[in-house]
């Protein structure tokens, strides 16, 4: 009877060792998967950031073209004060609108 119990005990110890080894292997694999997921997430954030930067550069260029400063033709003082360029653009727009009104009024008379 003693030998039977010892044999069962040894069998249980062997099973326990196998389970512990399997557990360690699974934990290692889970750690690797977690690392890969973090890398993928970071890569996705980098891609999103790159797309955002690219779209902002395009928008910036379009705004520069709207303001007439895309070719670097602004005056030196306007380089120091970007609002001067905007004011100048608004004044040009208002002046051309007033000229159109004046021309339409004089043609109508």
C-alpha atoms as a PDB file:
ATOM      1  CA  UNK A   1       0.000   0.000   0.000  1.00  0.00           C
ATOM      2  CA  UNK A   2       2.868   2.330   0.890  1.00  0.00           C
ATOM      3  CA  UNK A   3       4.459   1.779  -2.499  1.00  0.00           C
ATOM      4  CA  UNK A   4       1.189   2.574  -4.277  1.00  0.00           C
ATOM      5  CA  UNK A   5       0.957   5.886  -2.432  1.00  0.00           C
ATOM      6  CA  UNK A   6       4.569   6.687  -3.200  1.00  0.00           C
ATOM      7  CA  UNK A   7       3.970   5.919  -6.874  1.00  0.00           C
ATOM      8  CA  UNK A   8       0.880   8.182  -6.906  1.00  0.00           C
ATOM      9  CA  UNK A   9       2.849  10.895  -5.108  1.00  0.00           C
ATOM     10  CA  UNK A  10       5.662  10.691  -7.672  1.00  0.00           C
ATOM     11  CA  UNK A  11       3.130  10.815 -10.497  1.00  0.00           C
ATOM     12  CA  UNK A  12       1.555  13.954  -8.998  1.00  0.00           C
ATOM     13  CA  UNK A  13       4.971  15.591  -8.593  1.00  0.00           C
ATOM     14  CA  UNK A  14       5.755  14.866 -12.245  1.00  0.00           C
ATOM     15  CA  UNK A  15       2.421  16.365 -13.325  1.00  0.00           C
ATOM     16  CA  UNK A  16       3.040  19.405 -11.115  1.00  0.00           C
ATOM     17  CA  UNK A  17       6.484  19.935 -12.688  1.00  0.00           C
ATOM     18  CA  UNK A  18       5.021  19.690 -16.179  1.00  0.00           C
ATOM     19  CA  UNK A  19       2.274  22.179 -15.297  1.00  0.00           C
ATOM     20  CA  UNK A  20       4.816  24.627 -13.826  1.00  0.00           C
ATOM     21  CA  UNK A  21       6.980  24.383 -16.953  1.00  0.00           C
ATOM     22  CA  UNK A  22       3.930  24.898 -19.158  1.00  0.00           C
ATOM     23  CA  UNK A  23       2.870  27.861 -17.013  1.00  0.00           C
ATOM     24  CA  UNK A  24       6.294  29.484 -17.357  1.00  0.00           C
ATOM     25  CA  UNK A  25       6.223  28.939 -21.134  1.00  0.00           C
ATOM     26  CA  UNK A  26       2.754  30.473 -21.426  1.00  0.00           C
ATOM     27  CA  UNK A  27       3.764  33.487 -19.313  1.00  0.00           C
ATOM     28  CA  UNK A  28       6.787  34.022 -21.533  1.00  0.00           C
ATOM     29  CA  UNK A  29       4.627  33.861 -24.664  1.00  0.00           C
ATOM     30  CA  UNK A  30       2.083  36.270 -23.161  1.00  0.00           C
ATOM     31  CA  UNK A  31       4.902  38.686 -22.403  1.00  0.00           C
ATOM     32  CA  UNK A  32       6.107  38.474 -26.011  1.00  0.00           C
ATOM     33  CA  UNK A  33       2.568  39.055 -27.325  1.00  0.00           C
ATOM     34  CA  UNK A  34       2.198  42.069 -25.045  1.00  0.00           C
ATOM     35  CA  UNK A  35       5.474  43.469 -26.331  1.00  0.00           C
ATOM     36  CA  UNK A  36       4.381  42.994 -29.951  1.00  0.00           C
ATOM     37  CA  UNK A  37       1.032  44.669 -29.256  1.00  0.00           C
ATOM     38  CA  UNK A  38       2.803  47.659 -27.666  1.00  0.00           C
ATOM     39  CA  UNK A  39       5.118  47.938 -30.684  1.00  0.00           C
ATOM     40  CA  UNK A  40       2.147  47.792 -33.060  1.00  0.00           C
ATOM     41  CA  UNK A  41       0.315  50.461 -31.041  1.00  0.00           C
ATOM     42  CA  UNK A  42       3.374  52.727 -31.034  1.00  0.00           C
ATOM     43  CA  UNK A  43       3.786  52.221 -34.787  1.00  0.00           C
ATOM     44  CA  UNK A  44       0.118  53.146 -35.318  1.00  0.00           C
ATOM     45  CA  UNK A  45       0.582  56.315 -33.259  1.00  0.00           C
ATOM     46  CA  UNK A  46       3.670  57.188 -35.323  1.00  0.00           C
ATOM     47  CA  UNK A  47       1.701  56.685 -38.547  1.00  0.00           C
ATOM     48  CA  UNK A  48      -1.146  58.859 -37.238  1.00  0.00           C
ATOM     49  CA  UNK A  49       1.364  61.527 -36.227  1.00  0.00           C
ATOM     50  CA  UNK A  50       3.032  61.405 -39.644  1.00  0.00           C
ATOM     51  CA  UNK A  51      -0.339  61.767 -41.368  1.00  0.00           C
ATOM     52  CA  UNK A  52      -1.259  64.677 -39.085  1.00  0.00           C
ATOM     53  CA  UNK A  53       2.053  66.448 -39.713  1.00  0.00           C
ATOM     54  CA  UNK A  54       1.716  65.947 -43.464  1.00  0.00           C
ATOM     55  CA  UNK A  55      -1.845  67.308 -43.516  1.00  0.00           C
ATOM     56  CA  UNK A  56      -0.806  70.309 -41.406  1.00  0.00           C
ATOM     57  CA  UNK A  57       2.064  71.047 -43.806  1.00  0.00           C
ATOM     58  CA  UNK A  58      -0.339  70.937 -46.746  1.00  0.00           C
ATOM     59  CA  UNK A  59      -2.804  73.182 -44.924  1.00  0.00           C
ATOM     60  CA  UNK A  60       0.011  75.578 -44.012  1.00  0.00           C
ATOM     61  CA  UNK A  61       1.112  75.769 -47.659  1.00  0.00           C
ATOM     62  CA  UNK A  62      -2.478  76.414 -48.800  1.00  0.00           C
ATOM     63  CA  UNK A  63      -2.854  79.187 -46.240  1.00  0.00           C
ATOM     64  CA  UNK A  64       0.425  80.716 -47.392  1.00  0.00           C
ATOM     65  CA  UNK A  65      -0.836  80.633 -50.980  1.00  0.00           C
ATOM     66  CA  UNK A  66      -4.099  82.285 -49.923  1.00  0.00           C
ATOM     67  CA  UNK A  67      -2.155  85.035 -48.186  1.00  0.00           C
ATOM     68  CA  UNK A  68       0.230  85.444 -51.111  1.00  0.00           C
ATOM     69  CA  UNK A  69       3.338  84.504 -49.163  1.00  0.00           C
ATOM     70  CA  UNK A  70       3.885  81.054 -50.641  1.00  0.00           C
ATOM     71  CA  UNK A  71       6.854  82.165 -52.747  1.00  0.00           C
ATOM     72  CA  UNK A  72       8.526  84.176 -50.002  1.00  0.00           C
ATOM     73  CA  UNK A  73       7.556  87.485 -51.637  1.00  0.00           C
ATOM     74  CA  UNK A  74       6.565  89.240 -48.426  1.00  0.00           C
ATOM     75  CA  UNK A  75       8.401  92.315 -47.212  1.00  0.00           C
ATOM     76  CA  UNK A  76      10.994  91.917 -44.426  1.00  0.00           C
ATOM     77  CA  UNK A  77       8.801  93.627 -41.812  1.00  0.00           C
ATOM     78  CA  UNK A  78       5.975  91.260 -42.709  1.00  0.00           C
ATOM     79  CA  UNK A  79       8.262  88.334 -41.941  1.00  0.00           C
ATOM     80  CA  UNK A  80       8.507  89.650 -38.408  1.00  0.00           C
ATOM     81  CA  UNK A  81       4.787  90.368 -38.096  1.00  0.00           C
ATOM     82  CA  UNK A  82       2.567  87.794 -39.832  1.00  0.00           C
ATOM     83  CA  UNK A  83      -0.554  89.813 -38.998  1.00  0.00           C
ATOM     84  CA  UNK A  84       0.716  92.585 -41.318  1.00  0.00           C
ATOM     85  CA  UNK A  85       0.423  90.224 -44.267  1.00  0.00           C
ATOM     86  CA  UNK A  86      -3.102  89.301 -43.282  1.00  0.00           C
ATOM     87  CA  UNK A  87      -4.112  92.960 -42.904  1.00  0.00           C
ATOM     88  CA  UNK A  88      -2.531  93.772 -46.258  1.00  0.00           C
ATOM     89  CA  UNK A  89      -4.484  90.915 -47.892  1.00  0.00           C
ATOM     90  CA  UNK A  90      -7.748  92.121 -46.324  1.00  0.00           C
ATOM     91  CA  UNK A  91      -7.098  95.663 -47.497  1.00  0.00           C
ATOM     92  CA  UNK A  92      -6.376  94.434 -51.037  1.00  0.00           C
ATOM     93  CA  UNK A  93      -9.593  92.419 -51.012  1.00  0.00           C
ATOM     94  CA  UNK A  94     -11.613  95.386 -49.738  1.00  0.00           C
ATOM     95  CA  UNK A  95      -9.990  97.717 -52.260  1.00  0.00           C
ATOM     96  CA  UNK A  96     -10.783  95.415 -55.177  1.00  0.00           C
ATOM     97  CA  UNK A  97     -14.362  95.050 -53.930  1.00  0.00           C
ATOM     98  CA  UNK A  98     -14.715  98.835 -53.754  1.00  0.00           C
ATOM     99  CA  UNK A  99     -13.290  99.194 -57.284  1.00  0.00           C
ATOM    100  CA  UNK A 100     -15.830  96.665 -58.562  1.00  0.00           C
ATOM    101  CA  UNK A 101     -18.649  98.618 -56.914  1.00  0.00           C
ATOM    102  CA  UNK A 102     -17.350 101.903 -58.325  1.00  0.00           C
ATOM    103  CA  UNK A 103     -17.052 100.435 -61.832  1.00  0.00           C
ATOM    104  CA  UNK A 104     -20.552  98.950 -61.643  1.00  0.00           C
ATOM    105  CA  UNK A 105     -21.986 102.262 -60.423  1.00  0.00           C
ATOM    106  CA  UNK A 106     -20.286 104.320 -63.128  1.00  0.00           C
ATOM    107  CA  UNK A 107     -21.382 101.885 -65.849  1.00  0.00           C
ATOM    108  CA  UNK A 108     -24.949 102.024 -64.592  1.00  0.00           C
ATOM    109  CA  UNK A 109     -25.102 105.866 -64.933  1.00  0.00           C
END
